[in-house]
Amino acid sequence: MTSIFKIQKHKIVAVTLLITMFSYAQRDSNKWKAQIALGLNSPSQSGFVEGFESKAMNFPTINAGFQRMFKPQFGAKLDFGFNRFSSDGESPEFKINYTRINVQFVYDPTITFLPERIGLVTHAGPGYSIVKPLGDFANNKTSFLNVMAGLEIHYAMSKRMSLYTDVSYILGLGSDFDPITEGFGSFNGNLMTITFGITFSLSGCQYC
């Protein structure tokens, strides 16, 4: 009878440990995440000097980053973005590479009335933009600080992966071009982006 009790006790301890480890894995799987997304961008026309104009929508925009959640609702992320846009209409021909890097605060409001697999995440924070024209205006490079904010809509495929779309606005803090010729084929304004991508967990997988 004593041996049976010991066996049952061992089983209970083992099951308890497994449940504890699984629960920890579920929590920890949200701690570190990576994101990558592809989409479109729309630069503000006020960011170009007079006579230059870009297409309203441009491809590609590529975003990639790492996210760390310190609490279930609060976190931070470091992310990188690459954007390409080009001339339109009667504008002189140009192409521009717009690169940014931002450190952002992340907030998950956990809205309960949404379907279980749907989630919203907001993000905002400062960064640095590097603008590099191509071709004839390659010397008119510029860089400036920015502030970025956006909203992500996630659809959970599993506990460790979700598909998402992100709509963001990047407020450029660049100064006016002086002399004005430094702005030919360049850009110092604001940028809106819409991307579609995937978020996946980088933590918790020691118990997968």
Protein backbone atom coordinates (compact mmCIF):
# COMPACT_ATOMS: atom_id res chain seq x y z
CA MET A 1 0.00 0.00 0.00
CA THR A 2 2.86 2.30 0.89
CA SER A 3 4.62 1.58 -2.44
CA ILE A 4 1.42 2.35 -4.39
CA PHE A 5 1.10 5.63 -2.52
CA LYS A 6 4.70 6.50 -3.34
CA ILE A 7 4.14 5.75 -7.05
CA GLN A 8 1.01 7.90 -7.10
CA LYS A 9 2.85 10.66 -5.29
CA HIS A 10 5.64 10.59 -7.88
CA LYS A 11 3.08 10.76 -10.68
CA ILE A 12 1.39 13.79 -9.11
CA VAL A 13 4.73 15.55 -8.68
CA ALA A 14 5.67 14.81 -12.31
CA VAL A 15 2.34 16.09 -13.66
CA THR A 16 2.60 19.21 -11.50
CA LEU A 17 6.08 19.92 -12.84
CA LEU A 18 4.92 19.47 -16.44
CA ILE A 19 1.97 21.82 -15.92
CA THR A 20 4.23 24.39 -14.28
CA MET A 21 6.78 24.16 -17.09
CA PHE A 22 4.05 24.43 -19.75
CA SER A 23 2.48 27.43 -18.05
CA TYR A 24 5.85 29.12 -17.79
CA ALA A 25 6.51 28.43 -21.46
CA GLN A 26 3.21 30.03 -22.45
CA ARG A 27 4.07 33.19 -20.53
CA ASP A 28 7.69 33.26 -21.61
CA SER A 29 6.84 32.74 -25.28
CA ASN A 30 5.53 36.32 -25.40
CA LYS A 31 8.67 37.85 -23.87
CA TRP A 32 10.96 38.06 -26.92
CA LYS A 33 9.57 38.35 -30.45
CA ALA A 34 10.84 39.07 -33.94
CA GLN A 35 8.92 40.78 -36.74
CA ILE A 36 9.38 41.08 -40.46
CA ALA A 37 6.99 42.74 -42.91
CA LEU A 38 6.67 43.97 -46.48
CA GLY A 39 4.45 46.71 -47.86
CA LEU A 40 3.98 50.17 -49.38
CA ASN A 41 4.87 53.75 -48.47
CA SER A 42 3.50 57.21 -49.20
CA PRO A 43 5.81 60.23 -48.66
CA SER A 44 4.41 63.69 -47.92
CA GLN A 45 4.81 66.03 -50.91
CA SER A 46 5.91 68.83 -48.58
CA GLY A 47 9.15 66.92 -48.03
CA PHE A 48 10.34 67.68 -51.58
CA VAL A 49 11.57 70.99 -52.95
CA GLU A 50 9.36 72.75 -55.49
CA GLY A 51 9.24 71.00 -58.86
CA PHE A 52 9.85 67.50 -57.47
CA GLU A 53 7.01 65.09 -56.80
CA SER A 54 6.82 61.40 -55.92
CA LYS A 55 4.29 58.70 -56.64
CA ALA A 56 1.44 58.57 -54.14
CA MET A 57 2.16 54.90 -53.32
CA ASN A 58 5.56 53.27 -53.63
CA PHE A 59 7.04 49.79 -53.28
CA PRO A 60 8.82 48.40 -51.35
CA THR A 61 8.74 49.08 -47.64
CA ILE A 62 10.58 46.47 -45.56
CA ASN A 63 10.38 46.47 -41.76
CA ALA A 64 12.20 44.16 -39.34
CA GLY A 65 12.69 44.28 -35.59
CA PHE A 66 12.93 42.70 -32.17
CA GLN A 67 10.40 43.18 -29.40
CA ARG A 68 10.72 42.64 -25.63
CA MET A 69 7.61 42.58 -23.44
CA PHE A 70 8.39 43.52 -19.83
CA LYS A 71 4.79 42.96 -18.73
CA PRO A 72 1.83 41.39 -20.59
CA GLN A 73 0.73 44.81 -21.83
CA PHE A 74 3.93 46.86 -21.92
CA GLY A 75 7.17 46.47 -23.82
CA ALA A 76 9.69 48.00 -26.20
CA LYS A 77 11.14 47.22 -29.59
CA LEU A 78 14.08 48.12 -31.78
CA ASP A 79 13.15 48.12 -35.44
CA PHE A 80 14.60 48.95 -38.83
CA GLY A 81 12.80 50.14 -41.96
CA PHE A 82 13.83 50.46 -45.60
CA ASN A 83 11.69 52.40 -48.09
CA ARG A 84 12.13 53.17 -51.79
CA PHE A 85 10.13 55.87 -53.58
CA SER A 86 10.47 57.53 -56.96
CA SER A 87 9.32 60.42 -59.15
CA ASP A 88 5.90 60.84 -60.71
CA GLY A 89 4.13 63.13 -63.17
CA GLU A 90 6.18 65.97 -64.67
CA SER A 91 8.76 65.84 -61.90
CA PRO A 92 12.45 65.43 -62.79
CA GLU A 93 13.31 61.74 -62.57
CA PHE A 94 14.63 60.56 -59.21
CA LYS A 95 14.70 57.58 -56.84
CA ILE A 96 15.28 57.71 -53.11
CA ASN A 97 16.27 55.14 -50.50
CA TYR A 98 14.81 56.10 -47.12
CA THR A 99 16.19 54.11 -44.18
CA ARG A 100 15.19 54.49 -40.56
CA ILE A 101 15.92 52.94 -37.17
CA ASN A 102 13.62 53.48 -34.18
CA VAL A 103 13.34 52.57 -30.51
CA GLN A 104 9.65 52.31 -29.65
CA PHE A 105 7.37 51.83 -26.69
CA VAL A 106 4.87 48.99 -27.24
CA TYR A 107 1.40 48.77 -25.68
CA ASP A 108 -1.05 45.87 -25.95
CA PRO A 109 -4.47 47.11 -24.75
CA THR A 110 -5.90 43.54 -24.60
CA ILE A 111 -9.35 44.47 -25.89
CA THR A 112 -11.68 41.70 -24.66
CA PHE A 113 -14.59 42.19 -27.08
CA LEU A 114 -12.47 41.23 -30.11
CA PRO A 115 -12.40 37.61 -31.34
CA GLU A 116 -9.91 35.47 -29.42
CA ARG A 117 -7.36 35.31 -32.25
CA ILE A 118 -7.45 39.04 -33.02
CA GLY A 119 -5.23 41.48 -31.15
CA LEU A 120 -4.26 45.16 -31.37
CA VAL A 121 -0.83 46.58 -30.57
CA THR A 122 0.20 50.24 -30.61
CA HIS A 123 3.78 51.49 -30.82
CA ALA A 124 5.53 54.86 -30.77
CA GLY A 125 9.02 56.23 -30.30
CA PRO A 126 11.95 58.29 -31.59
CA GLY A 127 14.37 57.36 -34.32
CA TYR A 128 16.81 58.44 -36.99
CA SER A 129 16.19 58.69 -40.75
CA ILE A 130 18.82 58.44 -43.47
CA VAL A 131 17.84 59.63 -46.96
CA LYS A 132 20.00 58.68 -49.93
CA PRO A 133 18.99 59.82 -53.44
CA LEU A 134 20.13 57.68 -56.36
CA GLY A 135 21.38 58.63 -59.82
CA ASP A 136 21.92 62.29 -60.72
CA PHE A 137 21.17 63.58 -57.20
CA ALA A 138 23.29 61.10 -55.24
CA ASN A 139 25.25 63.89 -53.53
CA ASN A 140 22.11 65.33 -51.90
CA LYS A 141 22.09 62.90 -48.99
CA THR A 142 20.50 64.01 -45.74
CA SER A 143 19.62 62.62 -42.31
CA PHE A 144 17.42 63.77 -39.45
CA LEU A 145 15.58 62.69 -36.32
CA ASN A 146 12.06 61.30 -36.51
CA VAL A 147 9.15 60.25 -34.30
CA MET A 148 7.14 57.22 -35.36
CA ALA A 149 3.74 55.88 -34.25
CA GLY A 150 1.59 53.05 -35.52
CA LEU A 151 -1.11 50.45 -34.98
CA GLU A 152 -0.76 46.71 -35.58
CA ILE A 153 -3.63 44.25 -36.07
CA HIS A 154 -2.61 40.66 -35.32
CA TYR A 155 -4.21 37.35 -36.21
CA ALA A 156 -2.81 34.51 -34.11
CA MET A 157 -1.88 31.39 -36.08
CA SER A 158 -0.51 29.71 -32.94
CA LYS A 159 0.70 30.71 -29.48
CA ARG A 160 4.09 31.59 -30.95
CA MET A 161 3.24 33.07 -34.35
CA SER A 162 0.84 35.65 -35.74
CA LEU A 163 0.20 37.37 -39.04
CA TYR A 164 -0.21 41.13 -38.79
CA THR A 165 -0.71 44.36 -40.65
CA ASP A 166 0.80 47.63 -39.49
CA VAL A 167 -0.13 51.21 -40.39
CA SER A 168 2.50 53.73 -39.27
CA TYR A 169 3.28 57.41 -39.63
CA ILE A 170 6.86 58.70 -39.44
CA LEU A 171 7.13 62.38 -38.57
CA GLY A 172 10.36 63.79 -40.00
CA LEU A 173 12.18 66.43 -37.96
CA GLY A 174 14.49 67.56 -40.76
CA SER A 175 15.34 71.21 -41.38
CA ASP A 176 14.75 73.11 -44.63
CA PHE A 177 17.24 72.59 -47.44
CA ASP A 178 19.77 75.42 -47.56
CA PRO A 179 20.82 76.05 -50.25
CA ILE A 180 17.71 74.80 -51.99
CA THR A 181 19.79 72.85 -54.51
CA GLU A 182 20.69 70.39 -51.73
CA GLY A 183 17.05 69.31 -51.85
CA PHE A 184 16.94 68.38 -55.53
CA GLY A 185 15.95 64.71 -55.70
CA SER A 186 16.06 64.43 -51.89
CA PHE A 187 13.46 64.34 -49.10
CA ASN A 188 13.10 65.68 -45.54
CA GLY A 189 9.40 65.17 -44.79
CA ASN A 190 6.94 62.70 -43.31
CA LEU A 191 6.22 59.17 -44.44
CA MET A 192 3.21 56.85 -44.08
CA THR A 193 3.65 53.09 -44.43
CA ILE A 194 1.39 50.05 -44.54
CA THR A 195 2.95 46.61 -44.23
CA PHE A 196 1.92 42.97 -43.90
CA GLY A 197 4.10 40.50 -42.06
CA ILE A 198 4.71 37.84 -39.45
CA THR A 199 5.55 37.95 -35.74
CA PHE A 200 7.14 34.93 -34.09
CA SER A 201 8.41 34.11 -30.61
CA LEU A 202 12.11 33.86 -29.85
CA SER A 203 11.61 32.77 -26.24
CA GLY A 204 9.94 29.92 -24.41
CA CYS A 205 10.96 27.34 -27.00
CA GLN A 206 13.15 25.43 -24.58
CA TYR A 207 9.87 23.70 -23.63
CA CYS A 208 8.42 23.39 -27.17
